Amino acid sequence: MNNKLILLALSLGIANLIPGQAVAGTFSGSTFDPGKIDSGIPGFIGIDGLGRVTPNNKVNPIFTSWATGFQNYQPALGVLEQWQTPEKTLGSVTGTFDDIASLGELNAGQIAAGVSPGEITLTFASPIRNGTGADLAVFENGFGFASNGSLFGELAYVEVSTDGINFARFPSTSLTPTPVDPFGNLDATNIYNLAGKHVNNGIVVSDDEFIASSWGTPFNLDDLQDAPLVTSGLLDLDRVNYVRIVDIPGNGSFLDASGNPIYDPWITPIPGSGGFDLEAVGVINSVPVPEPTSALGLTIGILSVGALATRKQKV
């Protein structure tokens, strides 16, 4: 989705036209939902409140690093050049709706023909490791509705790799019972381990009020402990160097880990920027980078020991 879609949504008053489903599912809502396993992680914190994107707030320091590079950006056909901007997915979250790269949308004919959805792979200065709780978070640019807690967002699979070749996909759950109209909304409490289920744009309070808000969808590497790539040793959960985001065309042809159809607003009503829009990937648990002074001290120590050993040999 892009700025045109947001303006159209507000002008149409979608919060009133399409009420969405009541928020009552198993998983977290689209923002902060304490007690839920996948409560959104605020992109910003400060005196103006969790998740609020304001001049007084700052990027959440829980994130130790952010994506620093990208590979294999392969959007679906039809994405406008202005949204083919993978460089915008690097660095910290901004909570801005147009600071994104679009992965594009597939229509019914393309899906039936087996065309691959759009994707992008992110790289990092230091590997992600399996620590306590969520290890990373993915930010799309979905927006929510205060009237019922629903979300207009587009979903994606998240996959991780150590070597950039073998990727394991986070097991996901989608309990949305029926297809979602192009301007329809999602109940995020029916969705788990799919990027895009949290607000990172704003919340529509009324046709005249829009609160800028930023929340990331958390992913815990513990969920992959039993994955074949992990048990075979091809994926080291303490050295994740690559995160791949794969768009999900939301007509139900793509499935969650249990074989349930995945629905999201489809087909994206405004051509040229459809499908998942990636804003940022934040790292919570990363492999520590050695301090320069420590590395220098170790080098000096090794050289000193070597010099001493050489001296003793000459005596």
Protein backbone atom coordinates (compact mmCIF):
# COMPACT_ATOMS: atom_id res chain seq x y z
CA MET A 1 0.00 0.00 0.00
CA ASN A 2 1.21 3.57 -0.51
CA ASN A 3 0.27 7.18 0.12
CA LYS A 4 -2.47 7.10 -2.52
CA LEU A 5 -4.07 4.12 -0.84
CA ILE A 6 -3.93 5.75 2.58
CA LEU A 7 -5.49 8.96 1.31
CA LEU A 8 -8.15 6.96 -0.48
CA ALA A 9 -8.83 4.95 2.66
CA LEU A 10 -9.29 8.08 4.72
CA SER A 11 -11.40 9.83 2.12
CA LEU A 12 -13.72 6.85 1.86
CA GLY A 13 -13.93 6.45 5.61
CA ILE A 14 -13.13 2.74 5.32
CA ALA A 15 -13.28 2.33 9.09
CA ASN A 16 -17.00 2.94 8.80
CA LEU A 17 -17.66 1.30 5.44
CA ILE A 18 -15.98 -2.00 6.26
CA PRO A 19 -16.19 -2.79 9.97
CA GLY A 20 -13.97 -5.88 9.85
CA GLN A 21 -14.03 -8.68 12.36
CA ALA A 22 -14.19 -8.26 16.11
CA VAL A 23 -10.78 -8.61 17.72
CA ALA A 24 -11.11 -11.78 19.75
CA GLY A 25 -8.63 -14.35 18.48
CA THR A 26 -5.77 -16.23 20.11
CA PHE A 27 -2.84 -14.03 19.14
CA SER A 28 -1.92 -10.37 19.61
CA GLY A 29 -3.80 -7.45 18.17
CA SER A 30 -2.16 -5.06 15.73
CA THR A 31 -0.29 -2.98 18.33
CA PHE A 32 0.62 -3.58 21.99
CA ASP A 33 -1.15 -6.59 23.45
CA PRO A 34 0.49 -7.55 26.76
CA GLY A 35 0.29 -11.19 27.70
CA LYS A 36 0.14 -12.38 24.09
CA ILE A 37 3.06 -14.36 22.69
CA ASP A 38 3.46 -12.02 19.73
CA SER A 39 2.60 -8.61 21.12
CA GLY A 40 3.84 -5.86 18.82
CA ILE A 41 7.24 -4.36 19.59
CA PRO A 42 7.17 -0.55 19.57
CA GLY A 43 9.38 1.02 16.96
CA PHE A 44 9.49 4.20 19.03
CA ILE A 45 9.33 4.94 22.75
CA GLY A 46 9.39 8.07 24.88
CA ILE A 47 7.34 10.60 26.74
CA ASP A 48 4.57 10.57 24.13
CA GLY A 49 3.89 6.86 24.66
CA LEU A 50 4.84 3.46 23.30
CA GLY A 51 4.77 3.19 19.53
CA ARG A 52 3.96 6.86 18.95
CA VAL A 53 5.91 8.44 16.10
CA THR A 54 6.54 11.97 17.37
CA PRO A 55 9.47 14.40 17.59
CA ASN A 56 9.66 13.72 21.34
CA ASN A 57 10.03 9.97 20.97
CA LYS A 58 13.07 8.01 19.81
CA VAL A 59 13.75 4.70 18.09
CA ASN A 60 13.35 1.86 20.58
CA PRO A 61 16.81 0.95 21.98
CA ILE A 62 15.73 -2.69 22.34
CA PHE A 63 16.94 -2.99 18.76
CA THR A 64 20.70 -3.55 18.77
CA SER A 65 21.04 -3.25 15.01
CA TRP A 66 19.16 -3.08 11.71
CA ALA A 67 19.55 -4.55 8.24
CA THR A 68 22.61 -3.14 6.48
CA GLY A 69 22.32 -4.74 3.04
CA PHE A 70 19.98 -6.51 0.66
CA GLN A 71 20.15 -9.26 -1.96
CA ASN A 72 17.79 -10.78 -4.50
CA TYR A 73 15.19 -8.03 -4.51
CA GLN A 74 12.71 -9.58 -6.92
CA PRO A 75 9.38 -7.72 -6.93
CA ALA A 76 6.44 -9.10 -8.85
CA LEU A 77 5.77 -7.63 -12.28
CA GLY A 78 4.00 -4.30 -12.29
CA VAL A 79 5.62 -2.55 -9.33
CA LEU A 80 6.21 1.10 -10.22
CA GLU A 81 9.82 2.26 -10.24
CA GLN A 82 9.16 4.70 -7.41
CA TRP A 83 8.38 1.75 -5.10
CA GLN A 84 11.30 -0.42 -6.28
CA THR A 85 13.52 1.05 -3.60
CA PRO A 86 15.14 -1.77 -1.59
CA GLU A 87 17.69 0.65 -0.14
CA LYS A 88 14.85 2.16 1.90
CA THR A 89 14.51 -1.11 3.85
CA LEU A 90 17.95 -0.59 5.41
CA GLY A 91 18.60 1.14 8.70
CA SER A 92 16.22 1.90 11.50
CA VAL A 93 12.45 2.07 11.35
CA THR A 94 10.89 5.43 10.52
CA GLY A 95 7.18 4.70 10.81
CA THR A 96 6.73 6.54 7.50
CA PHE A 97 4.35 4.96 5.01
CA ASP A 98 6.50 5.62 1.94
CA ASP A 99 9.91 4.62 3.36
CA ILE A 100 9.47 1.15 1.86
CA ALA A 101 10.17 -1.27 -0.95
CA SER A 102 7.14 -2.97 -2.45
CA LEU A 103 7.24 -6.70 -3.22
CA GLY A 104 4.30 -6.44 -5.61
CA GLU A 105 1.06 -8.35 -6.06
CA LEU A 106 0.03 -11.38 -8.11
CA ASN A 107 -3.33 -11.69 -9.84
CA ALA A 108 -5.33 -14.90 -10.17
CA GLY A 109 -3.83 -15.79 -13.54
CA GLN A 110 -0.28 -15.38 -12.30
CA ILE A 111 -1.00 -17.46 -9.21
CA ALA A 112 -2.54 -20.24 -11.31
CA ALA A 113 0.50 -20.16 -13.61
CA GLY A 114 2.86 -20.65 -10.68
CA VAL A 115 4.51 -17.23 -10.85
CA SER A 116 6.67 -16.69 -7.77
CA PRO A 117 5.63 -13.92 -5.36
CA GLY A 118 7.92 -10.96 -4.76
CA GLU A 119 10.75 -11.34 -2.26
CA ILE A 120 13.80 -9.65 -0.77
CA THR A 121 16.69 -10.90 1.38
CA LEU A 122 18.26 -8.69 4.05
CA THR A 123 21.81 -8.94 5.41
CA PHE A 124 23.32 -7.71 8.66
CA ALA A 125 26.64 -6.42 9.97
CA SER A 126 26.56 -8.97 12.79
CA PRO A 127 24.67 -12.30 12.89
CA ILE A 128 21.34 -12.62 14.66
CA ARG A 129 21.39 -15.11 17.53
CA ASN A 130 18.78 -17.07 19.43
CA GLY A 131 18.43 -15.19 22.70
CA THR A 132 15.64 -14.69 25.20
CA GLY A 133 12.24 -13.93 23.67
CA ALA A 134 11.89 -12.30 20.28
CA ASP A 135 15.13 -12.09 18.30
CA LEU A 136 14.04 -9.81 15.46
CA ALA A 137 11.06 -7.79 14.29
CA VAL A 138 9.74 -6.95 10.84
CA PHE A 139 8.00 -3.67 10.04
CA GLU A 140 5.53 -3.32 7.15
CA ASN A 141 3.43 -0.16 6.66
CA GLY A 142 -0.06 -1.29 7.63
CA PHE A 143 -2.54 0.98 9.38
CA GLY A 144 -5.22 0.23 11.93
CA PHE A 145 -8.67 1.40 12.97
CA ALA A 146 -9.39 2.52 16.52
CA SER A 147 -13.11 1.79 16.17
CA ASN A 148 -12.66 -1.99 16.20
CA GLY A 149 -8.93 -2.73 16.42
CA SER A 150 -8.79 -4.09 12.87
CA LEU A 151 -5.91 -3.68 10.44
CA PHE A 152 -5.36 -2.94 6.78
CA GLY A 153 -2.10 -4.76 6.14
CA GLU A 154 -0.44 -7.13 3.72
CA LEU A 155 1.24 -10.30 4.90
CA ALA A 156 4.52 -12.08 4.17
CA TYR A 157 6.42 -15.20 5.17
CA VAL A 158 9.69 -14.72 7.05
CA GLU A 159 12.63 -17.07 6.49
CA VAL A 160 16.16 -17.17 7.93
CA SER A 161 19.48 -18.63 6.83
CA THR A 162 23.07 -18.94 7.95
CA ASP A 163 24.65 -19.52 4.53
CA GLY A 164 22.26 -17.60 2.25
CA ILE A 165 21.30 -20.82 0.47
CA ASN A 166 19.31 -22.89 2.96
CA PHE A 167 16.34 -20.95 4.38
CA ALA A 168 13.94 -22.11 7.10
CA ARG A 169 10.49 -20.52 7.20
CA PHE A 170 8.93 -19.52 10.51
CA PRO A 171 5.88 -21.73 11.12
CA SER A 172 2.82 -19.52 10.78
CA THR A 173 -0.87 -19.60 11.65
CA SER A 174 -3.70 -17.94 9.73
CA LEU A 175 -7.22 -18.36 11.09
CA THR A 176 -8.93 -15.68 8.98
CA PRO A 177 -12.03 -17.67 7.98
CA THR A 178 -13.00 -16.10 4.66
CA PRO A 179 -11.47 -14.10 1.79
CA VAL A 180 -10.84 -10.40 2.45
CA ASP A 181 -12.06 -7.74 0.03
CA PRO A 182 -9.49 -5.39 -1.57
CA PHE A 183 -10.47 -2.67 0.93
CA GLY A 184 -11.22 -5.12 3.73
CA ASN A 185 -9.56 -5.35 7.12
CA LEU A 186 -7.83 -8.10 9.08
CA ASP A 187 -8.26 -9.26 12.65
CA ALA A 188 -4.62 -9.57 13.69
CA THR A 189 -5.55 -11.85 16.59
CA ASN A 190 -6.14 -14.60 14.02
CA ILE A 191 -2.59 -14.33 12.65
CA TYR A 192 0.74 -15.56 14.01
CA ASN A 193 4.32 -15.49 12.68
CA LEU A 194 3.45 -13.61 9.51
CA ALA A 195 5.06 -10.22 8.91
CA GLY A 196 2.63 -7.37 8.38
CA LYS A 197 0.15 -8.10 11.17
CA HIS A 198 1.14 -5.02 13.18
CA VAL A 199 0.56 -1.32 12.53
CA ASN A 200 3.56 0.65 11.28
CA ASN A 201 2.04 3.77 9.80
CA GLY A 202 -0.82 4.99 11.92
CA ILE A 203 -4.22 4.42 13.44
CA VAL A 204 -7.39 5.92 12.00
CA VAL A 205 -9.33 7.38 14.92
CA SER A 206 -11.85 9.19 12.73
CA ASP A 207 -12.02 10.57 9.21
CA ASP A 208 -10.20 13.63 10.57
CA GLU A 209 -7.71 12.06 12.97
CA PHE A 210 -4.77 9.79 12.18
CA ILE A 211 -2.25 8.91 14.92
CA ALA A 212 1.22 8.01 13.64
CA SER A 213 2.17 4.67 15.23
CA SER A 214 4.95 2.13 14.75
CA TRP A 215 4.91 -1.53 15.82
CA GLY A 216 6.98 -4.44 14.58
CA THR A 217 5.99 -8.09 14.29
CA PRO A 218 8.29 -10.21 16.53
CA PHE A 219 9.95 -13.46 15.51
CA ASN A 220 11.54 -15.90 17.96
CA LEU A 221 14.21 -18.26 16.63
CA ASP A 222 13.11 -20.80 19.25
CA ASP A 223 10.23 -21.56 16.89
CA LEU A 224 12.73 -23.16 14.51
CA GLN A 225 14.51 -25.44 17.00
CA ASP A 226 13.01 -28.56 15.41
CA ALA A 227 13.27 -27.42 11.79
CA PRO A 228 15.07 -29.99 9.59
CA LEU A 229 17.70 -27.44 8.54
CA VAL A 230 18.51 -26.83 12.20
CA THR A 231 18.66 -30.47 13.26
CA SER A 232 20.83 -31.26 10.23
CA GLY A 233 23.26 -28.46 11.09
CA LEU A 234 22.68 -26.42 7.94
CA LEU A 235 21.09 -23.58 9.92
CA ASP A 236 22.80 -22.26 13.06
CA LEU A 237 20.25 -20.33 15.10
CA ASP A 238 23.09 -18.45 16.77
CA ARG A 239 24.48 -17.28 13.43
CA VAL A 240 21.60 -16.07 11.28
CA ASN A 241 23.08 -13.89 8.56
CA TYR A 242 20.11 -13.60 6.20
CA VAL A 243 16.41 -12.80 6.59
CA ARG A 244 14.18 -13.35 3.57
CA ILE A 245 10.73 -11.77 3.21
CA VAL A 246 8.33 -13.45 0.75
CA ASP A 247 5.04 -11.80 -0.17
CA ILE A 248 1.79 -13.73 0.26
CA PRO A 249 -0.86 -13.01 -2.40
CA GLY A 250 -3.91 -13.10 -0.17
CA ASN A 251 -6.52 -15.04 -2.13
CA GLY A 252 -6.08 -18.21 -0.07
CA SER A 253 -3.81 -20.07 -2.49
CA PHE A 254 -0.88 -19.76 -0.10
CA LEU A 255 -1.00 -21.69 3.16
CA ASP A 256 0.13 -21.49 6.77
CA ALA A 257 2.13 -24.23 8.51
CA SER A 258 -1.04 -26.26 9.15
CA GLY A 259 -2.36 -26.01 5.61
CA ASN A 260 -4.89 -23.25 6.30
CA PRO A 261 -5.45 -20.67 3.55
CA ILE A 262 -3.92 -17.26 4.17
CA TYR A 263 -6.15 -14.30 3.39
CA ASP A 264 -5.34 -10.61 3.29
CA PRO A 265 -6.83 -7.71 1.27
CA TRP A 266 -6.67 -8.99 -2.32
CA ILE A 267 -6.21 -8.03 -4.97
CA THR A 268 -4.51 -4.79 -3.95
CA PRO A 269 -6.85 -2.11 -5.35
CA ILE A 270 -4.22 0.39 -6.47
CA PRO A 271 -1.82 -1.07 -9.06
CA GLY A 272 1.89 -0.39 -8.94
CA SER A 273 2.54 -0.81 -5.23
CA GLY A 274 0.65 -3.95 -4.25
CA GLY A 275 1.68 -6.72 -1.94
CA PHE A 276 3.92 -6.55 1.11
CA ASP A 277 5.70 -3.24 1.66
CA LEU A 278 8.86 -3.72 3.72
CA GLU A 279 9.97 -0.81 5.88
CA ALA A 280 12.66 -2.27 8.17
CA VAL A 281 14.01 -5.35 9.95
CA GLY A 282 15.25 -4.75 13.48
CA VAL A 283 17.55 -7.09 15.42
CA ILE A 284 17.02 -7.61 19.14
CA ASN A 285 19.53 -10.39 19.83
CA SER A 286 22.75 -10.23 17.84
CA VAL A 287 26.20 -11.74 18.13
CA PRO A 288 28.33 -9.16 19.99
CA VAL A 289 31.00 -7.45 17.93
CA PRO A 290 34.38 -7.53 19.76
CA GLU A 291 35.46 -4.16 21.08
CA PRO A 292 38.43 -2.77 19.11
CA THR A 293 40.44 -2.30 22.31
CA SER A 294 39.86 -5.92 23.32
CA ALA A 295 40.96 -7.17 19.91
CA LEU A 296 44.04 -4.92 20.04
CA GLY A 297 44.90 -6.13 23.53
CA LEU A 298 44.59 -9.75 22.42
CA THR A 299 46.88 -9.11 19.44
CA ILE A 300 49.48 -7.40 21.62
CA GLY A 301 49.29 -10.25 24.11
CA ILE A 302 49.84 -12.88 21.42
CA LEU A 303 52.79 -10.95 19.97
CA SER A 304 54.30 -10.52 23.44
CA VAL A 305 54.06 -14.23 24.19
CA GLY A 306 55.62 -15.03 20.82
CA ALA A 307 58.49 -12.61 21.40
CA LEU A 308 59.13 -14.03 24.87
CA ALA A 309 59.19 -17.58 23.52
CA THR A 310 61.65 -16.58 20.80
CA ARG A 311 63.90 -14.88 23.35
CA LYS A 312 63.96 -17.96 25.57
CA GLN A 313 64.93 -20.13 22.62
CA LYS A 314 67.91 -17.88 21.91
CA VAL A 315 69.19 -17.90 25.49
